[in-house]
Protein backbone atom coordinates (compact mmCIF):
# COMPACT_ATOMS: atom_id res chain seq x y z
CA MET A 1 67.53 107.86 94.26
CA LEU A 2 67.64 104.06 95.24
CA TRP A 3 65.69 103.34 91.88
CA LEU A 4 68.47 105.19 90.07
CA LYS A 5 71.20 103.45 91.91
CA LYS A 6 69.88 99.85 91.27
CA ASN A 7 69.05 100.65 87.54
CA MET A 8 71.98 102.99 86.60
CA GLY A 9 73.59 100.36 84.26
CA LYS A 10 70.40 99.70 82.46
CA LEU A 11 70.10 103.32 81.27
CA PRO A 12 71.61 104.44 77.95
CA LEU A 13 75.07 105.86 78.39
CA MET A 14 75.23 104.59 81.99
CA MET A 15 77.44 101.97 83.67
CA ASP A 16 76.94 100.27 86.98
CA CYS A 17 79.40 100.41 89.89
CA ARG A 18 80.99 97.16 88.85
CA GLU A 19 81.78 98.33 85.52
CA HIS A 20 83.11 101.59 86.98
CA ASP A 21 85.57 99.62 89.04
CA ALA A 22 86.84 97.77 85.90
CA PHE A 23 87.59 101.02 84.14
CA ILE A 24 89.43 103.04 86.97
CA ASP A 25 92.81 102.41 85.91
CA ASP A 26 92.44 103.08 82.22
CA TYR A 27 90.56 106.23 83.24
CA LEU A 28 93.28 107.63 85.38
CA ASP A 29 96.05 106.53 82.70
CA ASP A 30 93.77 108.47 80.10
CA ALA A 31 93.44 105.26 78.09
CA LEU A 32 89.80 104.95 77.90
CA PRO A 33 88.05 105.24 74.43
CA PHE A 34 85.87 108.28 74.14
CA LYS A 35 82.52 106.51 74.50
CA ASP A 36 83.56 104.55 77.80
CA ARG A 37 85.10 107.96 79.17
CA VAL A 38 81.76 109.62 78.82
CA LYS A 39 79.94 106.77 80.48
CA PHE A 40 82.55 106.67 83.21
CA GLU A 41 82.43 110.43 83.85
CA LEU A 42 78.58 110.29 83.70
CA HIS A 43 78.71 107.69 86.33
CA ILE A 44 80.96 109.61 88.58
CA LYS A 45 78.80 112.58 88.48
CA MET A 46 75.58 110.52 89.47
CA CYS A 47 77.21 108.12 92.16
CA PRO A 48 78.76 109.83 95.12
CA ALA A 49 80.09 106.34 96.35
CA CYS A 50 81.97 105.71 93.20
CA ARG A 51 83.37 109.42 93.12
CA ALA A 52 84.59 109.08 96.64
CA TYR A 53 86.18 105.71 95.78
CA LEU A 54 88.05 107.08 92.69
CA ASP A 55 89.36 110.13 94.79
CA ALA A 56 90.74 107.59 97.19
CA TYR A 57 92.04 105.38 94.56
CA ARG A 58 93.64 108.24 92.88
CA ARG A 59 95.39 109.18 95.96
CA ALA A 60 96.47 105.73 96.83
CA ARG A 61 98.08 105.38 93.19
CA GLU A 62 99.91 108.66 93.63
CA MET A 63 101.32 107.57 97.08
CA ALA A 64 102.32 104.28 95.57
CA LYS A 65 104.11 105.91 92.79
CA GLY A 66 105.89 108.13 95.16
CA ALA A 67 107.17 105.42 97.38
CA ALA A 68 108.50 103.50 94.27
CA GLU A 69 110.23 106.61 93.29
CA ASP A 70 111.84 106.89 96.51
CA PHE A 71 113.45 103.55 96.27
CA ALA A 72 114.46 103.99 92.59
CA VAL A 73 117.97 105.42 93.48
CA GLU A 74 120.85 104.57 91.53
CA ARG A 75 123.38 102.62 93.25
CA PRO A 76 127.28 102.73 92.60
CA PRO A 77 128.61 99.75 90.78
CA MET A 78 130.02 97.04 92.92
CA PRO A 79 133.99 97.13 93.10
CA GLU A 80 135.55 94.48 90.93
CA GLY A 81 137.88 93.55 93.73
CA LEU A 82 134.91 92.71 95.90
CA ILE A 83 133.26 90.52 93.14
CA GLU A 84 136.57 88.67 92.79
CA ALA A 85 136.97 88.07 96.49
CA ILE A 86 133.30 86.79 96.77
CA LEU A 87 133.91 84.37 93.76
CA LYS A 88 137.13 83.06 95.24
CA THR A 89 135.42 82.20 98.59
CA LYS A 90 132.75 80.28 96.51
CA GLY A 91 135.64 78.48 94.43
CA ALA A 92 134.32 79.94 91.26
CA ILE A 93 137.54 81.43 90.25
């Protein structure tokens, strides 16, 4: 198994762990070309460390997206009178 881990990127249709990292976002966004997707998925099946990393990365992206959505609330417009009062204190009006 150690030989396979060291030589994974040298085998046909295989990528090494560094290449795997470079493709994660495109893979999760379903933006990888077919050939790269096949190589990526084959690597995931063969490498438990990258499989675990992918799962953790996917969960982190989902949590970040959820947090961003929580802050994306629509705020009411600022009252015109308040804007004018601020501008008057600044000497802009």
